[in-house]
Protein backbone atom coordinates (compact mmCIF):
# COMPACT_ATOMS: atom_id res chain seq x y z
CA UNK A 1 0.00 0.00 0.00
CA UNK A 2 2.84 2.35 0.84
CA UNK A 3 4.36 1.88 -2.61
CA UNK A 4 1.03 2.85 -4.21
CA UNK A 5 0.93 6.14 -2.29
CA UNK A 6 4.47 7.00 -3.33
CA UNK A 7 3.71 6.23 -6.97
CA UNK A 8 0.52 8.29 -7.02
CA UNK A 9 2.30 11.15 -5.27
CA UNK A 10 5.06 11.16 -7.87
CA UNK A 11 2.59 11.00 -10.73
CA UNK A 12 0.52 13.79 -9.18
CA UNK A 13 3.57 16.03 -8.81
CA UNK A 14 4.52 15.34 -12.43
CA UNK A 15 1.04 16.25 -13.60
CA UNK A 16 1.10 19.51 -11.66
CA UNK A 17 4.50 20.39 -13.13
CA UNK A 18 3.28 19.58 -16.64
CA UNK A 19 0.17 21.70 -16.09
CA UNK A 20 2.27 24.69 -14.99
CA UNK A 21 4.51 24.31 -18.05
CA UNK A 22 1.46 24.19 -20.33
CA UNK A 23 -0.05 27.31 -18.72
CA UNK A 24 3.22 29.24 -19.12
CA UNK A 25 3.51 28.10 -22.75
CA UNK A 26 -0.06 29.23 -23.47
CA UNK A 27 0.50 32.64 -21.90
CA UNK A 28 3.73 33.17 -23.87
CA UNK A 29 2.03 32.13 -27.13
CA UNK A 30 -0.83 34.54 -26.42
CA UNK A 31 1.54 37.42 -25.72
CA UNK A 32 3.49 36.74 -28.92
CA UNK A 33 0.24 36.65 -30.91
CA UNK A 34 -0.92 39.97 -29.46
CA UNK A 35 2.46 41.60 -30.13
CA UNK A 36 2.47 40.27 -33.72
CA UNK A 37 -1.05 41.55 -34.30
CA UNK A 38 -0.12 44.94 -32.90
CA UNK A 39 2.81 45.17 -35.29
CA UNK A 40 0.55 44.28 -38.22
CA UNK A 41 -1.96 46.93 -37.20
CA UNK A 42 0.77 49.52 -36.80
CA UNK A 43 2.20 48.74 -40.24
CA UNK A 44 -1.09 48.57 -42.16
CA UNK A 45 -0.70 52.15 -43.41
CA UNK A 46 2.40 51.10 -45.34
CA UNK A 47 0.58 48.33 -47.26
CA UNK A 48 -0.87 49.15 -50.69
CA UNK A 49 -3.34 46.96 -52.53
PDB file of N, CA and C in Angstrom:
ATOM      1  N   UNK A   1       0.822  -1.193   0.000  1.00  0.00           N
ATOM      2  CA  UNK A   1       0.000   0.000   0.000  1.00  0.00           C
ATOM      3  C   UNK A   1       0.870   1.263   0.000  1.00  0.00           C
ATOM      4  N   UNK A   2       1.940   1.198   0.741  1.00  0.00           N
ATOM      5  CA  UNK A   2       2.841   2.354   0.837  1.00  0.00           C
ATOM      6  C   UNK A   2       3.440   2.700  -0.529  1.00  0.00           C
ATOM      7  N   UNK A   3       3.770   1.672  -1.285  1.00  0.00           N
ATOM      8  CA  UNK A   3       4.356   1.883  -2.609  1.00  0.00           C
ATOM      9  C   UNK A   3       3.353   2.578  -3.534  1.00  0.00           C
ATOM     10  N   UNK A   4       2.086   2.235  -3.392  1.00  0.00           N
ATOM     11  CA  UNK A   4       1.032   2.849  -4.205  1.00  0.00           C
ATOM     12  C   UNK A   4       0.933   4.342  -3.912  1.00  0.00           C
ATOM     13  N   UNK A   5       1.008   4.727  -2.655  1.00  0.00           N
ATOM     14  CA  UNK A   5       0.930   6.139  -2.290  1.00  0.00           C
ATOM     15  C   UNK A   5       2.123   6.922  -2.828  1.00  0.00           C
ATOM     16  N   UNK A   6       3.288   6.330  -2.786  1.00  0.00           N
ATOM     17  CA  UNK A   6       4.473   6.999  -3.327  1.00  0.00           C
ATOM     18  C   UNK A   6       4.348   7.186  -4.833  1.00  0.00           C
ATOM     19  N   UNK A   7       3.857   6.152  -5.513  1.00  0.00           N
ATOM     20  CA  UNK A   7       3.706   6.226  -6.968  1.00  0.00           C
ATOM     21  C   UNK A   7       2.687   7.292  -7.358  1.00  0.00           C
ATOM     22  N   UNK A   8       1.545   7.305  -6.686  1.00  0.00           N
ATOM     23  CA  UNK A   8       0.518   8.295  -7.022  1.00  0.00           C
ATOM     24  C   UNK A   8       0.987   9.701  -6.674  1.00  0.00           C
ATOM     25  N   UNK A   9       1.763   9.834  -5.625  1.00  0.00           N
ATOM     26  CA  UNK A   9       2.299  11.152  -5.273  1.00  0.00           C
ATOM     27  C   UNK A   9       3.270  11.658  -6.322  1.00  0.00           C
ATOM     28  N   UNK A  10       4.105  10.772  -6.824  1.00  0.00           N
ATOM     29  CA  UNK A  10       5.064  11.155  -7.867  1.00  0.00           C
ATOM     30  C   UNK A  10       4.341  11.520  -9.152  1.00  0.00           C
ATOM     31  N   UNK A  11       3.356  10.730  -9.512  1.00  0.00           N
ATOM     32  CA  UNK A  11       2.589  11.004 -10.728  1.00  0.00           C
ATOM     33  C   UNK A  11       1.821  12.314 -10.583  1.00  0.00           C
ATOM     34  N   UNK A  12       1.252  12.547  -9.419  1.00  0.00           N
ATOM     35  CA  UNK A  12       0.524  13.793  -9.184  1.00  0.00           C
ATOM     36  C   UNK A  12       1.429  15.013  -9.285  1.00  0.00           C
ATOM     37  N   UNK A  13       2.617  14.920  -8.736  1.00  0.00           N
ATOM     38  CA  UNK A  13       3.565  16.025  -8.812  1.00  0.00           C
ATOM     39  C   UNK A  13       3.992  16.269 -10.259  1.00  0.00           C
ATOM     40  N   UNK A  14       4.177  15.197 -11.008  1.00  0.00           N
ATOM     41  CA  UNK A  14       4.524  15.339 -12.426  1.00  0.00           C
ATOM     42  C   UNK A  14       3.413  16.002 -13.216  1.00  0.00           C
ATOM     43  N   UNK A  15       2.180  15.645 -12.912  1.00  0.00           N
ATOM     44  CA  UNK A  15       1.040  16.251 -13.600  1.00  0.00           C
ATOM     45  C   UNK A  15       0.911  17.730 -13.271  1.00  0.00           C
ATOM     46  N   UNK A  16       1.155  18.090 -12.037  1.00  0.00           N
ATOM     47  CA  UNK A  16       1.104  19.507 -11.661  1.00  0.00           C
ATOM     48  C   UNK A  16       2.199  20.285 -12.378  1.00  0.00           C
ATOM     49  N   UNK A  17       3.403  19.728 -12.430  1.00  0.00           N
ATOM     50  CA  UNK A  17       4.504  20.395 -13.128  1.00  0.00           C
ATOM     51  C   UNK A  17       4.186  20.544 -14.609  1.00  0.00           C
ATOM     52  N   UNK A  18       3.643  19.514 -15.221  1.00  0.00           N
ATOM     53  CA  UNK A  18       3.279  19.577 -16.637  1.00  0.00           C
ATOM     54  C   UNK A  18       2.186  20.616 -16.871  1.00  0.00           C
ATOM     55  N   UNK A  19       1.234  20.695 -15.976  1.00  0.00           N
ATOM     56  CA  UNK A  19       0.175  21.699 -16.093  1.00  0.00           C
ATOM     57  C   UNK A  19       0.726  23.112 -16.017  1.00  0.00           C
ATOM     58  N   UNK A  20       1.656  23.356 -15.114  1.00  0.00           N
ATOM     59  CA  UNK A  20       2.265  24.686 -14.991  1.00  0.00           C
ATOM     60  C   UNK A  20       3.029  25.037 -16.263  1.00  0.00           C
ATOM     61  N   UNK A  21       3.768  24.064 -16.806  1.00  0.00           N
ATOM     62  CA  UNK A  21       4.511  24.308 -18.049  1.00  0.00           C
ATOM     63  C   UNK A  21       3.550  24.643 -19.187  1.00  0.00           C
ATOM     64  N   UNK A  22       2.429  23.938 -19.260  1.00  0.00           N
ATOM     65  CA  UNK A  22       1.462  24.193 -20.328  1.00  0.00           C
ATOM     66  C   UNK A  22       0.811  25.566 -20.177  1.00  0.00           C
ATOM     67  N   UNK A  23       0.535  25.981 -18.952  1.00  0.00           N
ATOM     68  CA  UNK A  23      -0.046  27.309 -18.722  1.00  0.00           C
ATOM     69  C   UNK A  23       0.937  28.392 -19.149  1.00  0.00           C
ATOM     70  N   UNK A  24       2.194  28.253 -18.757  1.00  0.00           N
ATOM     71  CA  UNK A  24       3.217  29.241 -19.123  1.00  0.00           C
ATOM     72  C   UNK A  24       3.382  29.301 -20.639  1.00  0.00           C
ATOM     73  N   UNK A  25       3.386  28.139 -21.298  1.00  0.00           N
ATOM     74  CA  UNK A  25       3.512  28.100 -22.751  1.00  0.00           C
ATOM     75  C   UNK A  25       2.327  28.802 -23.416  1.00  0.00           C
ATOM     76  N   UNK A  26       1.139  28.574 -22.922  1.00  0.00           N
ATOM     77  CA  UNK A  26      -0.057  29.226 -23.467  1.00  0.00           C
ATOM     78  C   UNK A  26      -0.016  30.732 -23.302  1.00  0.00           C
ATOM     79  N   UNK A  27       0.422  31.193 -22.146  1.00  0.00           N
ATOM     80  CA  UNK A  27       0.503  32.638 -21.898  1.00  0.00           C
ATOM     81  C   UNK A  27       1.537  33.275 -22.830  1.00  0.00           C
ATOM     82  N   UNK A  28       2.683  32.635 -22.981  1.00  0.00           N
ATOM     83  CA  UNK A  28       3.730  33.166 -23.865  1.00  0.00           C
ATOM     84  C   UNK A  28       3.238  33.207 -25.310  1.00  0.00           C
ATOM     85  N   UNK A  29       2.555  32.153 -25.758  1.00  0.00           N
ATOM     86  CA  UNK A  29       2.028  32.125 -27.125  1.00  0.00           C
ATOM     87  C   UNK A  29       0.995  33.234 -27.318  1.00  0.00           C
ATOM     88  N   UNK A  30       0.157  33.466 -26.338  1.00  0.00           N
ATOM     89  CA  UNK A  30      -0.830  34.541 -26.419  1.00  0.00           C
ATOM     90  C   UNK A  30      -0.185  35.913 -26.502  1.00  0.00           C
ATOM     91  N   UNK A  31       0.839  36.131 -25.705  1.00  0.00           N
ATOM     92  CA  UNK A  31       1.536  37.418 -25.723  1.00  0.00           C
ATOM     93  C   UNK A  31       2.199  37.641 -27.076  1.00  0.00           C
ATOM     94  N   UNK A  32       2.850  36.605 -27.612  1.00  0.00           N
ATOM     95  CA  UNK A  32       3.494  36.736 -28.918  1.00  0.00           C
ATOM     96  C   UNK A  32       2.466  37.017 -30.015  1.00  0.00           C
ATOM     97  N   UNK A  33       1.292  36.402 -29.923  1.00  0.00           N
ATOM     98  CA  UNK A  33       0.238  36.647 -30.910  1.00  0.00           C
ATOM     99  C   UNK A  33      -0.261  38.083 -30.827  1.00  0.00           C
ATOM    100  N   UNK A  34      -0.459  38.588 -29.637  1.00  0.00           N
ATOM    101  CA  UNK A  34      -0.922  39.969 -29.462  1.00  0.00           C
ATOM    102  C   UNK A  34       0.121  40.956 -29.973  1.00  0.00           C
ATOM    103  N   UNK A  35       1.385  40.709 -29.670  1.00  0.00           N
ATOM    104  CA  UNK A  35       2.457  41.596 -30.134  1.00  0.00           C
ATOM    105  C   UNK A  35       2.533  41.573 -31.661  1.00  0.00           C
ATOM    106  N   UNK A  36       2.440  40.389 -32.256  1.00  0.00           N
ATOM    107  CA  UNK A  36       2.473  40.275 -33.716  1.00  0.00           C
ATOM    108  C   UNK A  36       1.295  40.996 -34.356  1.00  0.00           C
ATOM    109  N   UNK A  37       0.131  40.849 -33.785  1.00  0.00           N
ATOM    110  CA  UNK A  37      -1.051  41.546 -34.300  1.00  0.00           C
ATOM    111  C   UNK A  37      -0.915  43.055 -34.174  1.00  0.00           C
ATOM    112  N   UNK A  38      -0.346  43.502 -33.084  1.00  0.00           N
ATOM    113  CA  UNK A  38      -0.124  44.939 -32.902  1.00  0.00           C
ATOM    114  C   UNK A  38       0.835  45.498 -33.943  1.00  0.00           C
ATOM    115  N   UNK A  39       1.865  44.726 -34.259  1.00  0.00           N
ATOM    116  CA  UNK A  39       2.812  45.167 -35.294  1.00  0.00           C
ATOM    117  C   UNK A  39       2.132  45.222 -36.661  1.00  0.00           C
ATOM    118  N   UNK A  40       1.274  44.256 -36.946  1.00  0.00           N
ATOM    119  CA  UNK A  40       0.553  44.279 -38.219  1.00  0.00           C
ATOM    120  C   UNK A  40      -0.388  45.482 -38.298  1.00  0.00           C
ATOM    121  N   UNK A  41      -1.071  45.765 -37.210  1.00  0.00           N
ATOM    122  CA  UNK A  41      -1.965  46.926 -37.202  1.00  0.00           C
ATOM    123  C   UNK A  41      -1.188  48.224 -37.339  1.00  0.00           C
ATOM    124  N   UNK A  42      -0.037  48.304 -36.710  1.00  0.00           N
ATOM    125  CA  UNK A  42       0.774  49.515 -36.797  1.00  0.00           C
ATOM    126  C   UNK A  42       1.327  49.714 -38.201  1.00  0.00           C
ATOM    127  N   UNK A  43       1.610  48.619 -38.910  1.00  0.00           N
ATOM    128  CA  UNK A  43       2.196  48.738 -40.240  1.00  0.00           C
ATOM    129  C   UNK A  43       1.197  48.686 -41.368  1.00  0.00           C
ATOM    130  N   UNK A  44      -0.100  48.710 -41.082  1.00  0.00           N
ATOM    131  CA  UNK A  44      -1.094  48.572 -42.155  1.00  0.00           C
ATOM    132  C   UNK A  44      -1.164  49.791 -43.055  1.00  0.00           C
ATOM    133  N   UNK A  45      -0.690  50.938 -42.580  1.00  0.00           N
ATOM    134  CA  UNK A  45      -0.701  52.150 -43.408  1.00  0.00           C
ATOM    135  C   UNK A  45       0.331  52.055 -44.528  1.00  0.00           C
ATOM    136  N   UNK A  46       1.337  51.226 -44.355  1.00  0.00           N
ATOM    137  CA  UNK A  46       2.400  51.100 -45.337  1.00  0.00           C
ATOM    138  C   UNK A  46       2.055  50.099 -46.443  1.00  0.00           C
ATOM    139  N   UNK A  47       0.948  49.371 -46.288  1.00  0.00           N
ATOM    140  CA  UNK A  47       0.582  48.332 -47.255  1.00  0.00           C
ATOM    141  C   UNK A  47      -0.333  48.931 -48.308  1.00  0.00           C
ATOM    142  N   UNK A  48      -0.025  48.690 -49.583  1.00  0.00           N
ATOM    143  CA  UNK A  48      -0.871  49.148 -50.685  1.00  0.00           C
ATOM    144  C   UNK A  48      -1.452  47.941 -51.407  1.00  0.00           C
ATOM    145  N   UNK A  49      -2.703  48.023 -51.760  1.00  0.00           N
ATOM    146  CA  UNK A  49      -3.345  46.960 -52.531  1.00  0.00           C
ATOM    147  C   UNK A  49      -3.728  47.488 -53.896  1.00  0.00           C
TER     148      UNK A  49
END
